[in-house]
Amino acid sequence: MEHFRNPRNQGSMDNPDAVGQEGNPTCGDVMKIYLRIKDNRIEDIKFETLGCAAAIAVSSAATELAKGKTLEEALAMNKDDIVNDLGGLPAPKIHCSMLGVDALHSAIKDYQNKKSL
């Protein structure tokens, strides 16, 4: 509930190094993650989420967990990391944790694709 009531890193980012967006057509939740990368490390991260309380809490927790990590460490994050950080989620809301991980991984892949051009 704390991450829902007081979300961290919420909002957009001017001139991000990368953006990842994922959505769940079944529930309608959409998460967008913005990254600023320095020396292969997530220096800053923001999110915009349209969705339920669990989706907002997951976005907040995912950004807090990812901030300061190397790209490899962030790519190793999984839904269990987020669920554990939140102290659990109701079973019908576990899919939100996967959405958070997918959006983060999508942003990292966007950054890697831009760097390989």
PDB file of N, CA and C in Angstrom:
ATOM      1  N   MET A   1       0.821  -1.198   0.000  1.00  0.00           N
ATOM      2  CA  MET A   1       0.000   0.000   0.000  1.00  0.00           C
ATOM      3  C   MET A   1       0.868   1.267   0.000  1.00  0.00           C
ATOM      4  N   GLU A   2       2.026   1.192   0.648  1.00  0.00           N
ATOM      5  CA  GLU A   2       2.904   2.368   0.725  1.00  0.00           C
ATOM      6  C   GLU A   2       3.338   2.830  -0.671  1.00  0.00           C
ATOM      7  N   HIS A   3       3.709   1.894  -1.528  1.00  0.00           N
ATOM      8  CA  HIS A   3       4.132   2.252  -2.887  1.00  0.00           C
ATOM      9  C   HIS A   3       2.971   2.788  -3.709  1.00  0.00           C
ATOM     10  N   PHE A   4       1.738   2.387  -3.386  1.00  0.00           N
ATOM     11  CA  PHE A   4       0.573   2.927  -4.092  1.00  0.00           C
ATOM     12  C   PHE A   4       0.255   4.334  -3.587  1.00  0.00           C
ATOM     13  N   ARG A   5       0.255   4.503  -2.280  1.00  0.00           N
ATOM     14  CA  ARG A   5      -0.097   5.810  -1.703  1.00  0.00           C
ATOM     15  C   ARG A   5       0.970   6.869  -1.945  1.00  0.00           C
ATOM     16  N   ASN A   6       2.228   6.449  -1.947  1.00  0.00           N
ATOM     17  CA  ASN A   6       3.355   7.373  -2.131  1.00  0.00           C
ATOM     18  C   ASN A   6       4.324   6.808  -3.172  1.00  0.00           C
ATOM     19  N   PRO A   7       3.901   6.759  -4.419  1.00  0.00           N
ATOM     20  CA  PRO A   7       4.771   6.162  -5.442  1.00  0.00           C
ATOM     21  C   PRO A   7       6.061   6.953  -5.628  1.00  0.00           C
ATOM     22  N   ARG A   8       7.137   6.224  -5.794  1.00  0.00           N
ATOM     23  CA  ARG A   8       8.450   6.821  -6.039  1.00  0.00           C
ATOM     24  C   ARG A   8       8.701   6.835  -7.541  1.00  0.00           C
ATOM     25  N   ASN A   9       9.404   7.850  -8.005  1.00  0.00           N
ATOM     26  CA  ASN A   9       9.859   7.945  -9.395  1.00  0.00           C
ATOM     27  C   ASN A   9       8.720   8.064 -10.408  1.00  0.00           C
ATOM     28  N   GLN A  10       7.577   8.561  -9.985  1.00  0.00           N
ATOM     29  CA  GLN A  10       6.433   8.686 -10.878  1.00  0.00           C
ATOM     30  C   GLN A  10       6.573   9.932 -11.747  1.00  0.00           C
ATOM     31  N   GLY A  11       6.222   9.800 -13.017  1.00  0.00           N
ATOM     32  CA  GLY A  11       6.248  10.922 -13.944  1.00  0.00           C
ATOM     33  C   GLY A  11       7.054  10.597 -15.182  1.00  0.00           C
ATOM     34  N   SER A  12       7.071  11.546 -16.097  1.00  0.00           N
ATOM     35  CA  SER A  12       7.828  11.355 -17.329  1.00  0.00           C
ATOM     36  C   SER A  12       9.237  11.922 -17.147  1.00  0.00           C
ATOM     37  N   MET A  13      10.059  11.775 -18.182  1.00  0.00           N
ATOM     38  CA  MET A  13      11.441  12.237 -18.135  1.00  0.00           C
ATOM     39  C   MET A  13      11.751  12.950 -19.449  1.00  0.00           C
ATOM     40  N   ASP A  14      12.324  14.137 -19.356  1.00  0.00           N
ATOM     41  CA  ASP A  14      12.769  14.838 -20.561  1.00  0.00           C
ATOM     42  C   ASP A  14      14.036  14.185 -21.092  1.00  0.00           C
ATOM     43  N   ASN A  15      14.070  13.961 -22.390  1.00  0.00           N
ATOM     44  CA  ASN A  15      15.243  13.417 -23.071  1.00  0.00           C
ATOM     45  C   ASN A  15      15.802  12.144 -22.431  1.00  0.00           C
ATOM     46  N   PRO A  16      14.977  11.118 -22.254  1.00  0.00           N
ATOM     47  CA  PRO A  16      15.502   9.873 -21.680  1.00  0.00           C
ATOM     48  C   PRO A  16      16.437   9.174 -22.670  1.00  0.00           C
ATOM     49  N   ASP A  17      17.306   8.347 -22.132  1.00  0.00           N
ATOM     50  CA  ASP A  17      18.167   7.532 -22.985  1.00  0.00           C
ATOM     51  C   ASP A  17      17.397   6.360 -23.575  1.00  0.00           C
ATOM     52  N   ALA A  18      16.332   5.961 -22.897  1.00  0.00           N
ATOM     53  CA  ALA A  18      15.537   4.821 -23.371  1.00  0.00           C
ATOM     54  C   ALA A  18      14.150   4.866 -22.762  1.00  0.00           C
ATOM     55  N   VAL A  19      13.205   4.234 -23.486  1.00  0.00           N
ATOM     56  CA  VAL A  19      11.824   4.135 -23.018  1.00  0.00           C
ATOM     57  C   VAL A  19      11.330   2.720 -23.319  1.00  0.00           C
ATOM     58  N   GLY A  20      10.639   2.141 -22.359  1.00  0.00           N
ATOM     59  CA  GLY A  20      10.006   0.836 -22.560  1.00  0.00           C
ATOM     60  C   GLY A  20       8.554   0.916 -22.151  1.00  0.00           C
ATOM     61  N   GLN A  21       7.695   0.288 -22.925  1.00  0.00           N
ATOM     62  CA  GLN A  21       6.273   0.289 -22.592  1.00  0.00           C
ATOM     63  C   GLN A  21       5.702  -1.102 -22.799  1.00  0.00           C
ATOM     64  N   GLU A  22       4.906  -1.530 -21.842  1.00  0.00           N
ATOM     65  CA  GLU A  22       4.227  -2.811 -21.915  1.00  0.00           C
ATOM     66  C   GLU A  22       2.800  -2.638 -21.432  1.00  0.00           C
ATOM     67  N   GLY A  23       1.922  -3.450 -21.971  1.00  0.00           N
ATOM     68  CA  GLY A  23       0.529  -3.400 -21.566  1.00  0.00           C
ATOM     69  C   GLY A  23      -0.057  -4.790 -21.475  1.00  0.00           C
ATOM     70  N   ASN A  24      -1.136  -4.888 -20.736  1.00  0.00           N
ATOM     71  CA  ASN A  24      -1.857  -6.152 -20.598  1.00  0.00           C
ATOM     72  C   ASN A  24      -3.258  -5.936 -21.165  1.00  0.00           C
ATOM     73  N   PRO A  25      -3.533  -6.518 -22.332  1.00  0.00           N
ATOM     74  CA  PRO A  25      -4.836  -6.295 -22.953  1.00  0.00           C
ATOM     75  C   PRO A  25      -6.007  -6.847 -22.136  1.00  0.00           C
ATOM     76  N   THR A  26      -5.754  -7.825 -21.281  1.00  0.00           N
ATOM     77  CA  THR A  26      -6.825  -8.418 -20.480  1.00  0.00           C
ATOM     78  C   THR A  26      -7.336  -7.453 -19.418  1.00  0.00           C
ATOM     79  N   CYS A  27      -6.402  -6.832 -18.681  1.00  0.00           N
ATOM     80  CA  CYS A  27      -6.818  -5.941 -17.588  1.00  0.00           C
ATOM     81  C   CYS A  27      -6.752  -4.464 -17.968  1.00  0.00           C
ATOM     82  N   GLY A  28      -6.041  -4.144 -19.046  1.00  0.00           N
ATOM     83  CA  GLY A  28      -5.946  -2.765 -19.498  1.00  0.00           C
ATOM     84  C   GLY A  28      -4.813  -1.960 -18.899  1.00  0.00           C
ATOM     85  N   ASP A  29      -4.005  -2.551 -18.012  1.00  0.00           N
ATOM     86  CA  ASP A  29      -2.879  -1.825 -17.407  1.00  0.00           C
ATOM     87  C   ASP A  29      -1.809  -1.548 -18.459  1.00  0.00           C
ATOM     88  N   VAL A  30      -1.224  -0.354 -18.395  1.00  0.00           N
ATOM     89  CA  VAL A  30      -0.127   0.032 -19.280  1.00  0.00           C
ATOM     90  C   VAL A  30       0.945   0.700 -18.428  1.00  0.00           C
ATOM     91  N   MET A  31       2.206   0.249 -18.599  1.00  0.00           N
ATOM     92  CA  MET A  31       3.339   0.816 -17.872  1.00  0.00           C
ATOM     93  C   MET A  31       4.366   1.322 -18.870  1.00  0.00           C
ATOM     94  N   LYS A  32       4.872   2.518 -18.599  1.00  0.00           N
ATOM     95  CA  LYS A  32       5.921   3.113 -19.411  1.00  0.00           C
ATOM     96  C   LYS A  32       7.069   3.468 -18.481  1.00  0.00           C
ATOM     97  N   ILE A  33       8.280   3.025 -18.834  1.00  0.00           N
ATOM     98  CA  ILE A  33       9.474   3.252 -18.010  1.00  0.00           C
ATOM     99  C   ILE A  33      10.472   4.073 -18.827  1.00  0.00           C
ATOM    100  N   TYR A  34      11.002   5.119 -18.200  1.00  0.00           N
ATOM    101  CA  TYR A  34      12.014   5.978 -18.803  1.00  0.00           C
ATOM    102  C   TYR A  34      13.332   5.755 -18.070  1.00  0.00           C
ATOM    103  N   LEU A  35      14.428   5.685 -18.835  1.00  0.00           N
ATOM    104  CA  LEU A  35      15.741   5.461 -18.233  1.00  0.00           C
ATOM    105  C   LEU A  35      16.742   6.537 -18.633  1.00  0.00           C
ATOM    106  N   ARG A  36      17.601   6.885 -17.692  1.00  0.00           N
ATOM    107  CA  ARG A  36      18.794   7.658 -17.967  1.00  0.00           C
ATOM    108  C   ARG A  36      19.955   6.778 -17.511  1.00  0.00           C
ATOM    109  N   ILE A  37      20.866   6.515 -18.443  1.00  0.00           N
ATOM    110  CA  ILE A  37      21.967   5.577 -18.205  1.00  0.00           C
ATOM    111  C   ILE A  37      23.288   6.341 -18.192  1.00  0.00           C
ATOM    112  N   LYS A  38      24.148   6.000 -17.232  1.00  0.00           N
ATOM    113  CA  LYS A  38      25.500   6.555 -17.185  1.00  0.00           C
ATOM    114  C   LYS A  38      26.450   5.447 -16.773  1.00  0.00           C
ATOM    115  N   ASP A  39      27.478   5.230 -17.582  1.00  0.00           N
ATOM    116  CA  ASP A  39      28.487   4.195 -17.309  1.00  0.00           C
ATOM    117  C   ASP A  39      27.841   2.828 -17.083  1.00  0.00           C
ATOM    118  N   ASN A  40      26.884   2.481 -17.964  1.00  0.00           N
ATOM    119  CA  ASN A  40      26.210   1.176 -17.935  1.00  0.00           C
ATOM    120  C   ASN A  40      25.370   0.957 -16.672  1.00  0.00           C
ATOM    121  N   ARG A  41      25.003   2.030 -15.992  1.00  0.00           N
ATOM    122  CA  ARG A  41      24.235   1.955 -14.756  1.00  0.00           C
ATOM    123  C   ARG A  41      23.004   2.843 -14.878  1.00  0.00           C
ATOM    124  N   ILE A  42      21.894   2.409 -14.281  1.00  0.00           N
ATOM    125  CA  ILE A  42      20.663   3.199 -14.303  1.00  0.00           C
ATOM    126  C   ILE A  42      20.824   4.346 -13.313  1.00  0.00           C
ATOM    127  N   GLU A  43      21.064   5.519 -13.872  1.00  0.00           N
ATOM    128  CA  GLU A  43      21.286   6.706 -13.055  1.00  0.00           C
ATOM    129  C   GLU A  43      19.959   7.312 -12.580  1.00  0.00           C
ATOM    130  N   ASP A  44      18.967   7.302 -13.479  1.00  0.00           N
ATOM    131  CA  ASP A  44      17.650   7.825 -13.128  1.00  0.00           C
ATOM    132  C   ASP A  44      16.602   6.984 -13.838  1.00  0.00           C
ATOM    133  N   ILE A  45      15.433   6.891 -13.228  1.00  0.00           N
ATOM    134  CA  ILE A  45      14.352   6.082 -13.778  1.00  0.00           C
ATOM    135  C   ILE A  45      13.021   6.700 -13.346  1.00  0.00           C
ATOM    136  N   LYS A  46      12.083   6.736 -14.278  1.00  0.00           N
ATOM    137  CA  LYS A  46      10.744   7.262 -14.008  1.00  0.00           C
ATOM    138  C   LYS A  46       9.722   6.317 -14.629  1.00  0.00           C
ATOM    139  N   PHE A  47       8.493   6.434 -14.150  1.00  0.00           N
ATOM    140  CA  PHE A  47       7.428   5.617 -14.735  1.00  0.00           C
ATOM    141  C   PHE A  47       6.141   6.401 -14.848  1.00  0.00           C
ATOM    142  N   GLU A  48       5.339   5.990 -15.818  1.00  0.00           N
ATOM    143  CA  GLU A  48       3.956   6.432 -15.954  1.00  0.00           C
ATOM    144  C   GLU A  48       3.130   5.166 -16.084  1.00  0.00           C
ATOM    145  N   THR A  49       2.115   5.029 -15.258  1.00  0.00           N
ATOM    146  CA  THR A  49       1.289   3.828 -15.271  1.00  0.00           C
ATOM    147  C   THR A  49      -0.176   4.203 -15.275  1.00  0.00           C
ATOM    148  N   LEU A  50      -0.892   3.581 -16.182  1.00  0.00           N
ATOM    149  CA  LEU A  50      -2.347   3.637 -16.195  1.00  0.00           C
ATOM    150  C   LEU A  50      -2.808   2.269 -15.747  1.00  0.00           C
ATOM    151  N   GLY A  51      -3.392   2.193 -14.566  1.00  0.00           N
ATOM    152  CA  GLY A  51      -3.817   0.888 -14.087  1.00  0.00           C
ATOM    153  C   GLY A  51      -4.273   0.929 -12.652  1.00  0.00           C
ATOM    154  N   CYS A  52      -4.416  -0.249 -12.119  1.00  0.00           N
ATOM    155  CA  CYS A  52      -4.926  -0.429 -10.763  1.00  0.00           C
ATOM    156  C   CYS A  52      -3.859  -0.094  -9.722  1.00  0.00           C
ATOM    157  N   ALA A  53      -4.244  -0.159  -8.456  1.00  0.00           N
ATOM    158  CA  ALA A  53      -3.332   0.128  -7.348  1.00  0.00           C
ATOM    159  C   ALA A  53      -2.109  -0.785  -7.383  1.00  0.00           C
ATOM    160  N   ALA A  54      -2.314  -2.052  -7.695  1.00  0.00           N
ATOM    161  CA  ALA A  54      -1.191  -2.994  -7.744  1.00  0.00           C
ATOM    162  C   ALA A  54      -0.219  -2.617  -8.858  1.00  0.00           C
ATOM    163  N   ALA A  55      -0.730  -2.195 -10.006  1.00  0.00           N
ATOM    164  CA  ALA A  55       0.133  -1.811 -11.123  1.00  0.00           C
ATOM    165  C   ALA A  55       0.977  -0.596 -10.749  1.00  0.00           C
ATOM    166  N   ILE A  56       0.395   0.359 -10.057  1.00  0.00           N
ATOM    167  CA  ILE A  56       1.135   1.549  -9.628  1.00  0.00           C
ATOM    168  C   ILE A  56       2.191   1.169  -8.585  1.00  0.00           C
ATOM    169  N   ALA A  57       1.818   0.330  -7.631  1.00  0.00           N
ATOM    170  CA  ALA A  57       2.773  -0.115  -6.606  1.00  0.00           C
ATOM    171  C   ALA A  57       3.928  -0.889  -7.235  1.00  0.00           C
ATOM    172  N   VAL A  58       3.619  -1.748  -8.189  1.00  0.00           N
ATOM    173  CA  VAL A  58       4.654  -2.531  -8.878  1.00  0.00           C
ATOM    174  C   VAL A  58       5.606  -1.602  -9.625  1.00  0.00           C
ATOM    175  N   SER A  59       5.070  -0.608 -10.307  1.00  0.00           N
ATOM    176  CA  SER A  59       5.914   0.338 -11.051  1.00  0.00           C
ATOM    177  C   SER A  59       6.857   1.069 -10.109  1.00  0.00           C
ATOM    178  N   SER A  60       6.331   1.529  -8.988  1.00  0.00           N
ATOM    179  CA  SER A  60       7.137   2.234  -7.999  1.00  0.00           C
ATOM    180  C   SER A  60       8.239   1.330  -7.449  1.00  0.00           C
ATOM    181  N   ALA A  61       7.871   0.121  -7.053  1.00  0.00           N
ATOM    182  CA  ALA A  61       8.850  -0.818  -6.490  1.00  0.00           C
ATOM    183  C   ALA A  61       9.907  -1.201  -7.529  1.00  0.00           C
ATOM    184  N   ALA A  62       9.484  -1.450  -8.753  1.00  0.00           N
ATOM    185  CA  ALA A  62      10.427  -1.842  -9.808  1.00  0.00           C
ATOM    186  C   ALA A  62      11.452  -0.738 -10.053  1.00  0.00           C
ATOM    187  N   THR A  63      10.996   0.515 -10.077  1.00  0.00           N
ATOM    188  CA  THR A  63      11.938   1.605 -10.314  1.00  0.00           C
ATOM    189  C   THR A  63      12.899   1.777  -9.142  1.00  0.00           C
ATOM    190  N   GLU A  64      12.400   1.605  -7.938  1.00  0.00           N
ATOM    191  CA  GLU A  64      13.277   1.694  -6.762  1.00  0.00           C
ATOM    192  C   GLU A  64      14.330   0.584  -6.772  1.00  0.00           C
ATOM    193  N   LEU A  65      13.916  -0.611  -7.127  1.00  0.00           N
ATOM    194  CA  LEU A  65      14.856  -1.738  -7.159  1.00  0.00           C
ATOM    195  C   LEU A  65      15.889  -1.572  -8.267  1.00  0.00           C
ATOM    196  N   ALA A  66      15.485  -0.998  -9.401  1.00  0.00           N
ATOM    197  CA  ALA A  66      16.379  -0.902 -10.554  1.00  0.00           C
ATOM    198  C   ALA A  66      17.354   0.270 -10.462  1.00  0.00           C
ATOM    199  N   LYS A  67      16.975   1.321  -9.762  1.00  0.00           N
ATOM    200  CA  LYS A  67      17.816   2.523  -9.705  1.00  0.00           C
ATOM    201  C   LYS A  67      19.172   2.191  -9.103  1.00  0.00           C
ATOM    202  N   GLY A  68      20.222   2.581  -9.836  1.00  0.00           N
ATOM    203  CA  GLY A  68      21.586   2.344  -9.379  1.00  0.00           C
ATOM    204  C   GLY A  68      22.182   1.025  -9.844  1.00  0.00           C
ATOM    205  N   LYS A  69      21.353   0.137 -10.370  1.00  0.00           N
ATOM    206  CA  LYS A  69      21.857  -1.162 -10.834  1.00  0.00           C
ATOM    207  C   LYS A  69      22.516  -1.009 -12.209  1.00  0.00           C
ATOM    208  N   THR A  70      23.439  -1.939 -12.506  1.00  0.00           N
ATOM    209  CA  THR A  70      23.959  -2.021 -13.867  1.00  0.00           C
ATOM    210  C   THR A  70      22.838  -2.560 -14.749  1.00  0.00           C
ATOM    211  N   LEU A  71      22.999  -2.407 -16.051  1.00  0.00           N
ATOM    212  CA  LEU A  71      21.978  -2.925 -16.965  1.00  0.00           C
ATOM    213  C   LEU A  71      21.848  -4.438 -16.831  1.00  0.00           C
ATOM    214  N   GLU A  72      22.957  -5.116 -16.631  1.00  0.00           N
ATOM    215  CA  GLU A  72      22.920  -6.574 -16.476  1.00  0.00           C
ATOM    216  C   GLU A  72      22.168  -6.970 -15.205  1.00  0.00           C
ATOM    217  N   GLU A  73      22.415  -6.249 -14.120  1.00  0.00           N
ATOM    218  CA  GLU A  73      21.709  -6.536 -12.866  1.00  0.00           C
ATOM    219  C   GLU A  73      20.207  -6.281 -13.018  1.00  0.00           C
ATOM    220  N   ALA A  74      19.849  -5.205 -13.699  1.00  0.00           N
ATOM    221  CA  ALA A  74      18.432  -4.892 -13.904  1.00  0.00           C
ATOM    222  C   ALA A  74      17.766  -5.915 -14.813  1.00  0.00           C
ATOM    223  N   LEU A  75      18.494  -6.399 -15.821  1.00  0.00           N
ATOM    224  CA  LEU A  75      17.928  -7.435 -16.698  1.00  0.00           C
ATOM    225  C   LEU A  75      17.726  -8.753 -15.953  1.00  0.00           C
ATOM    226  N   ALA A  76      18.470  -8.958 -14.890  1.00  0.00           N
ATOM    227  CA  ALA A  76      18.331 -10.187 -14.099  1.00  0.00           C
ATOM    228  C   ALA A  76      17.143 -10.114 -13.139  1.00  0.00           C
ATOM    229  N   MET A  77      16.564  -8.929 -12.959  1.00  0.00           N
ATOM    230  CA  MET A  77      15.407  -8.798 -12.067  1.00  0.00           C
ATOM    231  C   MET A  77      14.230  -9.586 -12.630  1.00  0.00           C
ATOM    232  N   ASN A  78      13.440 -10.172 -11.716  1.00  0.00           N
ATOM    233  CA  ASN A  78      12.254 -10.906 -12.145  1.00  0.00           C
ATOM    234  C   ASN A  78      11.058 -10.512 -11.276  1.00  0.00           C
ATOM    235  N   LYS A  79       9.908 -11.055 -11.609  1.00  0.00           N
ATOM    236  CA  LYS A  79       8.674 -10.679 -10.903  1.00  0.00           C
ATOM    237  C   LYS A  79       8.750 -10.998  -9.411  1.00  0.00           C
ATOM    238  N   ASP A  80       9.451 -12.060  -9.040  1.00  0.00           N
ATOM    239  CA  ASP A  80       9.565 -12.428  -7.630  1.00  0.00           C
ATOM    240  C   ASP A  80      10.299 -11.352  -6.831  1.00  0.00           C
ATOM    241  N   ASP A  81      11.284 -10.694  -7.449  1.00  0.00           N
ATOM    242  CA  ASP A  81      12.000  -9.605  -6.765  1.00  0.00           C
ATOM    243  C   ASP A  81      11.021  -8.496  -6.382  1.00  0.00           C
ATOM    244  N   ILE A  82      10.136  -8.172  -7.301  1.00  0.00           N
ATOM    245  CA  ILE A  82       9.170  -7.093  -7.049  1.00  0.00           C
ATOM    246  C   ILE A  82       8.121  -7.522  -6.034  1.00  0.00           C
ATOM    247  N   VAL A  83       7.588  -8.714  -6.200  1.00  0.00           N
ATOM    248  CA  VAL A  83       6.574  -9.220  -5.263  1.00  0.00           C
ATOM    249  C   VAL A  83       7.155  -9.279  -3.854  1.00  0.00           C
ATOM    250  N   ASN A  84       8.372  -9.772  -3.719  1.00  0.00           N
ATOM    251  CA  ASN A  84       9.014  -9.851  -2.400  1.00  0.00           C
ATOM    252  C   ASN A  84       9.249  -8.462  -1.806  1.00  0.00           C
ATOM    253  N   ASP A  85       9.670  -7.510  -2.646  1.00  0.00           N
ATOM    254  CA  ASP A  85       9.895  -6.153  -2.164  1.00  0.00           C
ATOM    255  C   ASP A  85       8.597  -5.529  -1.648  1.00  0.00           C
ATOM    256  N   LEU A  86       7.494  -5.857  -2.281  1.00  0.00           N
ATOM    257  CA  LEU A  86       6.193  -5.324  -1.865  1.00  0.00           C
ATOM    258  C   LEU A  86       5.589  -6.085  -0.687  1.00  0.00           C
ATOM    259  N   GLY A  87       6.217  -7.180  -0.298  1.00  0.00           N
ATOM    260  CA  GLY A  87       5.662  -7.984   0.791  1.00  0.00           C
ATOM    261  C   GLY A  87       4.508  -8.856   0.320  1.00  0.00           C
ATOM    262  N   GLY A  88       4.448  -9.104  -0.987  1.00  0.00           N
ATOM    263  CA  GLY A  88       3.411  -9.955  -1.566  1.00  0.00           C
ATOM    264  C   GLY A  88       2.382  -9.151  -2.331  1.00  0.00           C
ATOM    265  N   LEU A  89       1.654  -9.856  -3.166  1.00  0.00           N
ATOM    266  CA  LEU A  89       0.529  -9.305  -3.924  1.00  0.00           C
ATOM    267  C   LEU A  89      -0.578 -10.344  -3.925  1.00  0.00           C
ATOM    268  N   PRO A  90      -1.829  -9.912  -3.990  1.00  0.00           N
ATOM    269  CA  PRO A  90      -2.913 -10.896  -4.119  1.00  0.00           C
ATOM    270  C   PRO A  90      -2.723 -11.697  -5.411  1.00  0.00           C
ATOM    271  N   ALA A  91      -3.050 -12.961  -5.385  1.00  0.00           N
ATOM    272  CA  ALA A  91      -2.854 -13.839  -6.548  1.00  0.00           C
ATOM    273  C   ALA A  91      -3.377 -13.248  -7.855  1.00  0.00           C
ATOM    274  N   PRO A  92      -4.572 -12.637  -7.878  1.00  0.00           N
ATOM    275  CA  PRO A  92      -5.050 -12.085  -9.151  1.00  0.00           C
ATOM    276  C   PRO A  92      -4.241 -10.888  -9.662  1.00  0.00           C
ATOM    277  N   LYS A  93      -3.338 -10.359  -8.837  1.00  0.00           N
ATOM    278  CA  LYS A  93      -2.550  -9.182  -9.233  1.00  0.00           C
ATOM    279  C   LYS A  93      -1.088  -9.504  -9.532  1.00  0.00           C
ATOM    280  N   ILE A  94      -0.712 -10.770  -9.469  1.00  0.00           N
ATOM    281  CA  ILE A  94       0.673 -11.167  -9.736  1.00  0.00           C
ATOM    282  C   ILE A  94       1.091 -10.770 -11.153  1.00  0.00           C
ATOM    283  N   HIS A  95       0.141 -10.802 -12.097  1.00  0.00           N
ATOM    284  CA  HIS A  95       0.480 -10.430 -13.473  1.00  0.00           C
ATOM    285  C   HIS A  95       1.031  -9.011 -13.562  1.00  0.00           C
ATOM    286  N   CYS A  96       0.665  -8.136 -12.630  1.00  0.00           N
ATOM    287  CA  CYS A  96       1.183  -6.770 -12.619  1.00  0.00           C
ATOM    288  C   CYS A  96       2.696  -6.755 -12.421  1.00  0.00           C
ATOM    289  N   SER A  97       3.198  -7.679 -11.597  1.00  0.00           N
ATOM    290  CA  SER A  97       4.636  -7.716 -11.351  1.00  0.00           C
ATOM    291  C   SER A  97       5.382  -8.093 -12.623  1.00  0.00           C
ATOM    292  N   MET A  98       4.798  -8.959 -13.431  1.00  0.00           N
ATOM    293  CA  MET A  98       5.423  -9.340 -14.694  1.00  0.00           C
ATOM    294  C   MET A  98       5.423  -8.159 -15.654  1.00  0.00           C
ATOM    295  N   LEU A  99       4.364  -7.378 -15.633  1.00  0.00           N
ATOM    296  CA  LEU A  99       4.271  -6.200 -16.482  1.00  0.00           C
ATOM    297  C   LEU A  99       5.375  -5.197 -16.132  1.00  0.00           C
ATOM    298  N   GLY A 100       5.630  -5.016 -14.843  1.00  0.00           N
ATOM    299  CA  GLY A 100       6.698  -4.116 -14.403  1.00  0.00           C
ATOM    300  C   GLY A 100       8.061  -4.565 -14.874  1.00  0.00           C
ATOM    301  N   VAL A 101       8.342  -5.845 -14.751  1.00  0.00           N
ATOM    302  CA  VAL A 101       9.614  -6.402 -15.206  1.00  0.00           C
ATOM    303  C   VAL A 101       9.731  -6.271 -16.724  1.00  0.00           C
ATOM    304  N   ASP A 102       8.656  -6.576 -17.431  1.00  0.00           N
ATOM    305  CA  ASP A 102       8.681  -6.493 -18.895  1.00  0.00           C
ATOM    306  C   ASP A 102       8.936  -5.067 -19.377  1.00  0.00           C
ATOM    307  N   ALA A 103       8.314  -4.083 -18.733  1.00  0.00           N
ATOM    308  CA  ALA A 103       8.517  -2.688 -19.125  1.00  0.00           C
ATOM    309  C   ALA A 103       9.963  -2.258 -18.873  1.00  0.00           C
ATOM    310  N   LEU A 104      10.517  -2.664 -17.730  1.00  0.00           N
ATOM    311  CA  LEU A 104      11.915  -2.359 -17.422  1.00  0.00           C
ATOM    312  C   LEU A 104      12.841  -2.999 -18.445  1.00  0.00           C
ATOM    313  N   HIS A 105      12.644  -4.270 -18.716  1.00  0.00           N
ATOM    314  CA  HIS A 105      13.487  -4.979 -19.677  1.00  0.00           C
ATOM    315  C   HIS A 105      13.342  -4.385 -21.077  1.00  0.00           C
ATOM    316  N   SER A 106      12.138  -3.970 -21.433  1.00  0.00           N
ATOM    317  CA  SER A 106      11.898  -3.338 -22.727  1.00  0.00           C
ATOM    318  C   SER A 106      12.677  -2.032 -22.852  1.00  0.00           C
ATOM    319  N   ALA A 107      12.721  -1.244 -21.784  1.00  0.00           N
ATOM    320  CA  ALA A 107      13.477   0.016 -21.797  1.00  0.00           C
ATOM    321  C   ALA A 107      14.975  -0.263 -21.950  1.00  0.00           C
ATOM    322  N   ILE A 108      15.475  -1.267 -21.255  1.00  0.00           N
ATOM    323  CA  ILE A 108      16.900  -1.612 -21.356  1.00  0.00           C
ATOM    324  C   ILE A 108      17.230  -2.080 -22.769  1.00  0.00           C
ATOM    325  N   LYS A 109      16.355  -2.885 -23.351  1.00  0.00           N
ATOM    326  CA  LYS A 109      16.585  -3.357 -24.728  1.00  0.00           C
ATOM    327  C   LYS A 109      16.539  -2.196 -25.709  1.00  0.00           C
ATOM    328  N   ASP A 110      15.657  -1.212 -25.461  1.00  0.00           N
ATOM    329  CA  ASP A 110      15.606  -0.011 -26.293  1.00  0.00           C
ATOM    330  C   ASP A 110      16.951   0.709 -26.235  1.00  0.00           C
ATOM    331  N   TYR A 111      17.511   0.840 -25.053  1.00  0.00           N
ATOM    332  CA  TYR A 111      18.811   1.494 -24.879  1.00  0.00           C
ATOM    333  C   TYR A 111      19.908   0.712 -25.615  1.00  0.00           C
ATOM    334  N   GLN A 112      19.918  -0.594 -25.441  1.00  0.00           N
ATOM    335  CA  GLN A 112      20.937  -1.420 -26.095  1.00  0.00           C
ATOM    336  C   GLN A 112      20.818  -1.363 -27.606  1.00  0.00           C
ATOM    337  N   ASN A 113      19.589  -1.334 -28.121  1.00  0.00           N
ATOM    338  CA  ASN A 113      19.390  -1.227 -29.572  1.00  0.00           C
ATOM    339  C   ASN A 113      19.898   0.109 -30.099  1.00  0.00           C
ATOM    340  N   LYS A 114      19.663   1.185 -29.367  1.00  0.00           N
ATOM    341  CA  LYS A 114      20.137   2.515 -29.787  1.00  0.00           C
ATOM    342  C   LYS A 114      21.660   2.566 -29.775  1.00  0.00           C
ATOM    343  N   LYS A 115      22.274   1.914 -28.806  1.00  0.00           N
ATOM    344  CA  LYS A 115      23.739   1.934 -28.684  1.00  0.00           C
ATOM    345  C   LYS A 115      24.398   1.102 -29.775  1.00  0.00           C
ATOM    346  N   SER A 116      23.703   0.110 -30.306  1.00  0.00           N
ATOM    347  CA  SER A 116      24.294  -0.766 -31.314  1.00  0.00           C
ATOM    348  C   SER A 116      24.172  -0.196 -32.726  1.00  0.00           C
ATOM    349  N   LEU A 117      23.458   0.904 -32.881  1.00  0.00           N
ATOM    350  CA  LEU A 117      23.284   1.522 -34.217  1.00  0.00           C
ATOM    351  C   LEU A 117      24.513   2.275 -34.637  1.00  0.00           C
TER     352      LEU A 117
END
